[in-house]
């Protein structure tokens, strides 16, 4: 089972790395565009362009900061061992889908099965935390029964 956890963890790490790479590229492009923008006789146009590039840089810096926080969270998750109760890093099988409790990274495909990477603070993540195989809960009127926890 830890092999599955390692695969899911690596897919989440790759998801965050892609976000980081995209944010870093956006920052570089905005800075390059800002540096190439030469001052013309229309000073307001120049200032507006620089302000827009600064806003773009700030937006990408915020995305990079959020991605860094996700990476820190992932680095704290162990990929070895199993637990009886659901905790961060658990792989959960229910009657309505499979979940990996780590970060919100959408659906992940491993060995032909789909797993939903969810954050412990997401609506479903908070309902899963602390539960064990055999427990159930409802989310949006849909009943879930936990079949296994690893």
N, C-alpha and C. Protein backbone atom coordinates (compact mmCIF):
# COMPACT_ATOMS: atom_id res chain seq x y z
N UNK A 1 0.82 -1.20 0.00
CA UNK A 1 0.00 0.00 0.00
C UNK A 1 0.86 1.26 0.00
N UNK A 2 1.99 1.20 0.67
CA UNK A 2 2.83 2.40 0.72
C UNK A 2 3.30 2.78 -0.69
N UNK A 3 3.38 1.80 -1.60
CA UNK A 3 3.74 2.10 -2.98
C UNK A 3 2.68 3.00 -3.61
N UNK A 4 1.41 2.72 -3.34
CA UNK A 4 0.31 3.55 -3.82
C UNK A 4 0.40 4.95 -3.22
N UNK A 5 0.66 5.03 -1.93
CA UNK A 5 0.81 6.33 -1.27
C UNK A 5 1.94 7.13 -1.90
N UNK A 6 3.05 6.45 -2.19
CA UNK A 6 4.20 7.14 -2.80
C UNK A 6 3.84 7.67 -4.18
N UNK A 7 3.10 6.89 -4.96
CA UNK A 7 2.69 7.33 -6.29
C UNK A 7 1.75 8.52 -6.21
N UNK A 8 0.78 8.46 -5.29
CA UNK A 8 -0.16 9.56 -5.12
C UNK A 8 0.57 10.82 -4.64
N UNK A 9 1.48 10.63 -3.70
CA UNK A 9 2.25 11.75 -3.17
C UNK A 9 3.07 12.40 -4.28
N UNK A 10 3.71 11.59 -5.10
CA UNK A 10 4.54 12.11 -6.19
C UNK A 10 3.69 12.87 -7.21
N UNK A 11 2.49 12.38 -7.49
CA UNK A 11 1.60 13.10 -8.41
C UNK A 11 1.21 14.46 -7.83
N UNK A 12 0.99 14.52 -6.53
CA UNK A 12 0.67 15.80 -5.88
C UNK A 12 1.87 16.74 -5.94
N UNK A 13 3.07 16.21 -5.70
CA UNK A 13 4.29 17.02 -5.79
C UNK A 13 4.44 17.58 -7.21
N UNK A 14 4.20 16.74 -8.21
CA UNK A 14 4.30 17.20 -9.60
C UNK A 14 3.26 18.29 -9.90
N UNK A 15 2.06 18.13 -9.35
CA UNK A 15 1.00 19.13 -9.51
C UNK A 15 1.46 20.48 -8.97
N UNK A 16 2.06 20.47 -7.77
CA UNK A 16 2.53 21.72 -7.16
C UNK A 16 3.71 22.29 -7.94
N UNK A 17 4.62 21.43 -8.39
CA UNK A 17 5.77 21.91 -9.17
C UNK A 17 5.33 22.62 -10.44
N UNK A 18 4.31 22.08 -11.10
CA UNK A 18 3.79 22.72 -12.32
C UNK A 18 3.25 24.10 -11.99
N UNK A 19 2.54 24.23 -10.88
CA UNK A 19 2.03 25.53 -10.46
C UNK A 19 3.16 26.50 -10.18
N UNK A 20 4.20 26.00 -9.52
CA UNK A 20 5.36 26.84 -9.20
C UNK A 20 6.06 27.29 -10.48
N UNK A 21 6.25 26.35 -11.41
CA UNK A 21 6.92 26.67 -12.67
C UNK A 21 6.12 27.72 -13.46
N UNK A 22 4.80 27.56 -13.50
CA UNK A 22 3.96 28.51 -14.23
C UNK A 22 4.03 29.89 -13.60
N UNK A 23 4.01 29.95 -12.26
CA UNK A 23 4.09 31.24 -11.57
C UNK A 23 5.45 31.90 -11.81
N UNK A 24 6.52 31.12 -11.73
CA UNK A 24 7.86 31.67 -11.96
C UNK A 24 8.01 32.19 -13.39
N UNK A 25 7.47 31.45 -14.35
CA UNK A 25 7.51 31.89 -15.74
C UNK A 25 6.73 33.19 -15.91
N UNK A 26 5.56 33.27 -15.30
CA UNK A 26 4.75 34.49 -15.37
C UNK A 26 5.48 35.69 -14.81
N UNK A 27 6.19 35.49 -13.70
CA UNK A 27 6.96 36.57 -13.08
C UNK A 27 8.06 37.05 -14.03
N UNK A 28 8.79 36.09 -14.60
CA UNK A 28 9.88 36.43 -15.53
C UNK A 28 9.36 37.18 -16.75
N UNK A 29 8.24 36.71 -17.30
CA UNK A 29 7.68 37.36 -18.49
C UNK A 29 7.19 38.77 -18.17
N UNK A 30 6.57 38.94 -17.01
CA UNK A 30 6.08 40.27 -16.64
C UNK A 30 7.26 41.23 -16.41
N UNK A 31 8.31 40.74 -15.77
CA UNK A 31 9.48 41.58 -15.54
C UNK A 31 10.18 41.93 -16.85
N UNK A 32 10.25 40.95 -17.74
CA UNK A 32 10.87 41.20 -19.04
C UNK A 32 10.08 42.24 -19.82
N UNK A 33 8.75 42.09 -19.83
CA UNK A 33 7.90 43.04 -20.54
C UNK A 33 8.02 44.44 -19.93
N UNK A 34 8.11 44.49 -18.63
CA UNK A 34 8.24 45.78 -17.94
C UNK A 34 9.57 46.43 -18.28
N UNK A 35 10.63 45.65 -18.33
CA UNK A 35 11.96 46.19 -18.65
C UNK A 35 12.07 46.62 -20.10
N UNK A 36 11.35 45.96 -21.00
CA UNK A 36 11.42 46.29 -22.42
C UNK A 36 10.54 47.47 -22.79
N UNK A 37 9.61 47.81 -21.90
CA UNK A 37 8.69 48.91 -22.15
C UNK A 37 9.48 50.22 -22.04
N UNK A 38 9.76 50.85 -23.19
CA UNK A 38 10.56 52.08 -23.16
C UNK A 38 9.67 53.28 -22.94
N UNK A 39 10.22 54.24 -22.27
CA UNK A 39 9.46 55.45 -21.97
C UNK A 39 9.28 56.25 -23.26
N UNK A 40 8.05 56.59 -23.51
CA UNK A 40 7.76 57.38 -24.71
C UNK A 40 7.30 58.76 -24.27
N UNK A 41 6.93 59.54 -25.26
CA UNK A 41 6.43 60.88 -24.94
C UNK A 41 5.09 60.79 -24.22
N UNK A 42 4.41 59.68 -24.40
CA UNK A 42 3.14 59.47 -23.71
C UNK A 42 3.44 58.80 -22.37
N UNK A 43 3.83 59.59 -21.40
CA UNK A 43 4.26 59.08 -20.09
C UNK A 43 3.20 58.27 -19.39
N UNK A 44 1.93 58.65 -19.54
CA UNK A 44 0.86 57.92 -18.87
C UNK A 44 0.76 56.49 -19.39
N UNK A 45 0.97 56.32 -20.71
CA UNK A 45 0.91 54.98 -21.29
C UNK A 45 2.01 54.11 -20.69
N UNK A 46 3.18 54.67 -20.56
CA UNK A 46 4.33 53.96 -19.98
C UNK A 46 4.03 53.55 -18.54
N UNK A 47 3.52 54.50 -17.77
CA UNK A 47 3.23 54.22 -16.35
C UNK A 47 2.12 53.18 -16.21
N UNK A 48 1.11 53.25 -17.07
CA UNK A 48 0.02 52.27 -17.03
C UNK A 48 0.54 50.88 -17.36
N UNK A 49 1.39 50.79 -18.37
CA UNK A 49 1.97 49.50 -18.75
C UNK A 49 2.81 48.91 -17.63
N UNK A 50 3.60 49.74 -16.99
CA UNK A 50 4.44 49.27 -15.86
C UNK A 50 3.57 48.83 -14.69
N UNK A 51 2.49 49.56 -14.44
CA UNK A 51 1.59 49.21 -13.34
C UNK A 51 0.92 47.86 -13.62
N UNK A 52 0.54 47.65 -14.86
CA UNK A 52 -0.09 46.37 -15.23
C UNK A 52 0.91 45.22 -15.07
N UNK A 53 2.15 45.43 -15.46
CA UNK A 53 3.18 44.40 -15.32
C UNK A 53 3.45 44.12 -13.84
N UNK A 54 3.40 45.16 -13.01
CA UNK A 54 3.60 44.97 -11.57
C UNK A 54 2.45 44.16 -10.97
N UNK A 55 1.23 44.43 -11.42
CA UNK A 55 0.07 43.67 -10.94
C UNK A 55 0.21 42.20 -11.34
N UNK A 56 0.67 41.96 -12.55
CA UNK A 56 0.87 40.59 -13.03
C UNK A 56 1.95 39.90 -12.21
N UNK A 57 3.03 40.60 -11.92
CA UNK A 57 4.10 40.05 -11.09
C UNK A 57 3.57 39.71 -9.70
N UNK A 58 2.81 40.63 -9.12
CA UNK A 58 2.25 40.41 -7.78
C UNK A 58 1.32 39.20 -7.76
N UNK A 59 0.50 39.07 -8.80
CA UNK A 59 -0.44 37.94 -8.88
C UNK A 59 0.34 36.62 -8.94
N UNK A 60 1.38 36.60 -9.75
CA UNK A 60 2.19 35.38 -9.87
C UNK A 60 2.99 35.10 -8.60
N UNK A 61 3.43 36.14 -7.91
CA UNK A 61 4.12 35.95 -6.62
C UNK A 61 3.18 35.33 -5.60
N UNK A 62 1.91 35.75 -5.60
CA UNK A 62 0.91 35.18 -4.70
C UNK A 62 0.70 33.70 -5.02
N UNK A 63 0.60 33.36 -6.31
CA UNK A 63 0.45 31.96 -6.71
C UNK A 63 1.67 31.14 -6.30
N UNK A 64 2.85 31.70 -6.46
CA UNK A 64 4.07 31.00 -6.09
C UNK A 64 4.11 30.76 -4.58
N UNK A 65 3.70 31.76 -3.81
CA UNK A 65 3.67 31.64 -2.36
C UNK A 65 2.69 30.54 -1.93
N UNK A 66 1.51 30.49 -2.56
CA UNK A 66 0.53 29.45 -2.24
C UNK A 66 1.06 28.06 -2.61
N UNK A 67 1.73 27.96 -3.74
CA UNK A 67 2.31 26.69 -4.16
C UNK A 67 3.40 26.25 -3.18
N UNK A 68 4.19 27.20 -2.70
CA UNK A 68 5.22 26.87 -1.70
C UNK A 68 4.59 26.33 -0.43
N UNK A 69 3.48 26.91 -0.01
CA UNK A 69 2.77 26.42 1.19
C UNK A 69 2.29 24.98 0.98
N UNK A 70 1.77 24.70 -0.22
CA UNK A 70 1.32 23.33 -0.53
C UNK A 70 2.49 22.35 -0.50
N UNK A 71 3.65 22.79 -1.01
CA UNK A 71 4.83 21.92 -1.02
C UNK A 71 5.28 21.62 0.41
N UNK A 72 5.25 22.62 1.26
CA UNK A 72 5.60 22.42 2.67
C UNK A 72 4.65 21.40 3.30
N UNK A 73 3.36 21.55 3.02
CA UNK A 73 2.37 20.60 3.55
C UNK A 73 2.64 19.18 3.05
N UNK A 74 2.96 19.05 1.77
CA UNK A 74 3.26 17.73 1.21
C UNK A 74 4.51 17.13 1.83
N UNK A 75 5.51 17.96 2.10
CA UNK A 75 6.75 17.45 2.69
C UNK A 75 6.55 16.91 4.10
N UNK A 76 5.48 17.30 4.75
CA UNK A 76 5.18 16.82 6.10
C UNK A 76 4.42 15.49 6.10
N UNK A 77 3.96 15.06 4.94
CA UNK A 77 3.14 13.84 4.85
C UNK A 77 4.03 12.63 4.64
N UNK A 78 3.88 11.65 5.51
CA UNK A 78 4.61 10.40 5.36
C UNK A 78 3.94 9.51 4.33
N UNK A 79 4.74 8.71 3.66
CA UNK A 79 4.18 7.80 2.64
C UNK A 79 4.33 6.34 3.05
N UNK A 80 4.82 6.11 4.25
CA UNK A 80 4.98 4.73 4.74
C UNK A 80 3.94 4.46 5.82
N UNK A 81 3.63 3.20 5.98
CA UNK A 81 2.75 2.79 7.06
C UNK A 81 1.28 3.00 6.74
N UNK A 82 0.46 2.44 7.61
CA UNK A 82 -0.98 2.57 7.49
C UNK A 82 -1.54 3.00 8.83
N UNK A 83 -2.76 3.43 8.83
CA UNK A 83 -3.41 3.82 10.07
C UNK A 83 -4.83 3.28 10.07
N UNK A 84 -5.37 3.12 11.25
CA UNK A 84 -6.75 2.64 11.37
C UNK A 84 -7.72 3.80 11.17
N UNK A 85 -7.38 4.94 11.74
CA UNK A 85 -8.21 6.13 11.60
C UNK A 85 -7.62 7.02 10.50
N UNK A 86 -8.51 7.71 9.81
CA UNK A 86 -8.09 8.57 8.69
C UNK A 86 -7.34 9.78 9.24
N UNK A 87 -6.18 10.03 8.62
CA UNK A 87 -5.35 11.18 8.95
C UNK A 87 -4.74 11.69 7.65
N UNK A 88 -4.05 12.82 7.74
CA UNK A 88 -3.39 13.35 6.55
C UNK A 88 -2.43 12.30 6.01
N UNK A 89 -2.52 12.04 4.71
CA UNK A 89 -1.69 11.02 4.07
C UNK A 89 -2.41 9.70 3.86
N UNK A 90 -3.62 9.58 4.40
CA UNK A 90 -4.38 8.33 4.24
C UNK A 90 -4.94 8.19 2.84
N UNK A 91 -5.03 6.94 2.40
CA UNK A 91 -5.72 6.59 1.16
C UNK A 91 -7.02 5.93 1.59
N UNK A 92 -8.14 6.46 1.11
CA UNK A 92 -9.45 6.03 1.57
C UNK A 92 -10.26 5.52 0.40
N UNK A 93 -10.88 4.36 0.58
CA UNK A 93 -11.79 3.82 -0.42
C UNK A 93 -13.20 3.90 0.17
N UNK A 94 -14.13 4.49 -0.60
CA UNK A 94 -15.53 4.56 -0.17
C UNK A 94 -16.41 3.97 -1.26
N UNK A 95 -17.69 3.86 -0.96
CA UNK A 95 -18.64 3.38 -1.96
C UNK A 95 -18.85 4.42 -3.07
N UNK A 96 -18.39 5.65 -2.85
CA UNK A 96 -18.56 6.72 -3.84
C UNK A 96 -17.24 7.33 -4.29
N UNK A 97 -16.18 6.55 -4.30
CA UNK A 97 -14.91 7.06 -4.80
C UNK A 97 -13.75 6.80 -3.87
N UNK A 98 -12.55 7.02 -4.42
CA UNK A 98 -11.30 6.83 -3.68
C UNK A 98 -10.68 8.19 -3.44
N UNK A 99 -10.07 8.35 -2.27
CA UNK A 99 -9.52 9.65 -1.88
C UNK A 99 -8.12 9.52 -1.33
N UNK A 100 -7.33 10.57 -1.55
CA UNK A 100 -6.01 10.71 -0.94
C UNK A 100 -6.06 12.01 -0.17
N UNK A 101 -5.93 11.94 1.14
CA UNK A 101 -6.05 13.11 2.00
C UNK A 101 -4.70 13.79 2.14
N UNK A 102 -4.49 14.85 1.34
CA UNK A 102 -3.20 15.55 1.33
C UNK A 102 -3.41 17.03 1.01
N UNK A 103 -3.54 17.34 -0.27
CA UNK A 103 -3.82 18.69 -0.74
C UNK A 103 -4.91 18.59 -1.79
N UNK A 104 -5.56 19.68 -2.08
CA UNK A 104 -6.56 19.69 -3.15
C UNK A 104 -5.83 19.75 -4.49
N UNK A 105 -5.79 18.61 -5.17
CA UNK A 105 -5.08 18.53 -6.45
C UNK A 105 -5.93 17.87 -7.52
N UNK A 106 -7.21 17.72 -7.27
CA UNK A 106 -8.09 17.14 -8.28
C UNK A 106 -7.96 15.63 -8.36
N UNK A 107 -8.33 15.09 -9.52
CA UNK A 107 -8.31 13.63 -9.68
C UNK A 107 -6.93 13.17 -10.16
N UNK A 108 -6.51 12.06 -9.60
CA UNK A 108 -5.21 11.46 -9.93
C UNK A 108 -5.46 10.02 -10.38
N UNK A 109 -4.80 9.62 -11.43
CA UNK A 109 -4.96 8.26 -11.95
C UNK A 109 -3.72 7.44 -11.62
N UNK A 110 -3.92 6.35 -10.86
CA UNK A 110 -2.82 5.46 -10.50
C UNK A 110 -3.28 4.03 -10.74
N UNK A 111 -2.51 3.32 -11.55
CA UNK A 111 -2.79 1.91 -11.86
C UNK A 111 -4.24 1.69 -12.30
N UNK A 112 -4.74 2.60 -13.13
CA UNK A 112 -6.07 2.45 -13.69
C UNK A 112 -7.20 2.86 -12.76
N UNK A 113 -6.89 3.33 -11.56
CA UNK A 113 -7.92 3.78 -10.61
C UNK A 113 -7.80 5.28 -10.40
N UNK A 114 -8.95 5.92 -10.23
CA UNK A 114 -8.98 7.35 -9.98
C UNK A 114 -9.08 7.61 -8.49
N UNK A 115 -8.24 8.52 -8.03
CA UNK A 115 -8.24 8.97 -6.63
C UNK A 115 -8.41 10.48 -6.65
N UNK A 116 -9.18 11.00 -5.71
CA UNK A 116 -9.35 12.43 -5.59
C UNK A 116 -8.45 12.93 -4.47
N UNK A 117 -7.50 13.77 -4.82
CA UNK A 117 -6.62 14.36 -3.81
C UNK A 117 -7.38 15.52 -3.18
N UNK A 118 -7.65 15.40 -1.87
CA UNK A 118 -8.42 16.41 -1.17
C UNK A 118 -7.65 16.90 0.05
N UNK A 119 -7.88 18.14 0.39
CA UNK A 119 -7.26 18.75 1.56
C UNK A 119 -8.02 18.34 2.82
N UNK A 120 -7.32 18.21 3.95
CA UNK A 120 -8.01 17.90 5.20
C UNK A 120 -9.01 18.99 5.63
N UNK A 121 -8.85 20.21 5.11
CA UNK A 121 -9.77 21.28 5.48
C UNK A 121 -10.88 21.49 4.45
N UNK A 122 -10.89 20.69 3.40
CA UNK A 122 -11.98 20.75 2.42
C UNK A 122 -13.24 20.16 3.06
N UNK A 123 -14.41 20.42 2.49
CA UNK A 123 -15.63 19.84 3.08
C UNK A 123 -15.57 18.32 3.24
N UNK A 124 -15.14 17.60 2.22
CA UNK A 124 -15.08 16.15 2.35
C UNK A 124 -13.91 15.72 3.22
N UNK A 125 -12.79 16.45 3.13
CA UNK A 125 -11.62 16.12 3.94
C UNK A 125 -11.92 16.22 5.43
N UNK A 126 -12.64 17.27 5.82
CA UNK A 126 -12.97 17.43 7.24
C UNK A 126 -13.94 16.36 7.70
N UNK A 127 -14.80 15.89 6.81
CA UNK A 127 -15.72 14.80 7.17
C UNK A 127 -14.98 13.46 7.29
N UNK A 128 -13.93 13.28 6.49
CA UNK A 128 -13.17 12.03 6.52
C UNK A 128 -12.26 11.92 7.75
N UNK A 129 -11.67 13.04 8.18
CA UNK A 129 -10.68 13.03 9.26
C UNK A 129 -11.20 12.29 10.50
N UNK A 130 -10.38 11.36 10.99
CA UNK A 130 -10.69 10.64 12.23
C UNK A 130 -11.62 9.46 12.08
N UNK A 131 -12.19 9.28 10.90
CA UNK A 131 -13.10 8.15 10.69
C UNK A 131 -12.29 6.89 10.39
N UNK A 132 -12.98 5.74 10.43
CA UNK A 132 -12.34 4.45 10.18
C UNK A 132 -13.21 3.65 9.21
N UNK A 133 -12.67 2.52 8.74
CA UNK A 133 -13.43 1.64 7.85
C UNK A 133 -14.73 1.25 8.53
N UNK A 134 -15.81 1.31 7.77
CA UNK A 134 -17.13 0.98 8.30
C UNK A 134 -17.93 2.22 8.69
N UNK A 135 -17.24 3.34 8.93
CA UNK A 135 -17.94 4.58 9.26
C UNK A 135 -18.58 5.16 8.00
N UNK A 136 -19.57 6.00 8.22
CA UNK A 136 -20.24 6.65 7.10
C UNK A 136 -20.50 8.10 7.39
N UNK A 137 -20.86 8.83 6.34
CA UNK A 137 -21.20 10.25 6.46
C UNK A 137 -21.97 10.64 5.21
N UNK A 138 -22.64 11.78 5.28
CA UNK A 138 -23.37 12.32 4.13
C UNK A 138 -22.71 13.61 3.69
N UNK A 139 -22.60 13.80 2.40
CA UNK A 139 -22.10 15.06 1.84
C UNK A 139 -23.01 15.44 0.70
N UNK A 140 -23.63 16.60 0.81
CA UNK A 140 -24.57 17.09 -0.21
C UNK A 140 -25.67 16.07 -0.49
N UNK A 141 -26.16 15.44 0.57
CA UNK A 141 -27.25 14.48 0.43
C UNK A 141 -26.83 13.13 -0.12
N UNK A 142 -25.55 12.92 -0.30
CA UNK A 142 -25.05 11.66 -0.85
C UNK A 142 -24.37 10.86 0.27
N UNK A 143 -24.83 9.64 0.51
CA UNK A 143 -24.24 8.84 1.59
C UNK A 143 -22.90 8.19 1.16
N UNK A 144 -21.93 8.26 2.04
CA UNK A 144 -20.63 7.64 1.83
C UNK A 144 -20.41 6.62 2.93
N UNK A 145 -19.87 5.46 2.56
CA UNK A 145 -19.46 4.44 3.53
C UNK A 145 -17.98 4.16 3.27
N UNK A 146 -17.17 4.29 4.31
CA UNK A 146 -15.73 4.06 4.19
C UNK A 146 -15.47 2.56 4.18
N UNK A 147 -14.90 2.09 3.09
CA UNK A 147 -14.62 0.66 2.93
C UNK A 147 -13.25 0.27 3.44
N UNK A 148 -12.25 1.13 3.22
CA UNK A 148 -10.91 0.83 3.71
C UNK A 148 -10.12 2.12 3.91
N UNK A 149 -9.16 2.04 4.83
CA UNK A 149 -8.25 3.15 5.13
C UNK A 149 -6.85 2.60 5.13
N UNK A 150 -5.96 3.23 4.40
CA UNK A 150 -4.55 2.80 4.37
C UNK A 150 -3.64 4.01 4.49
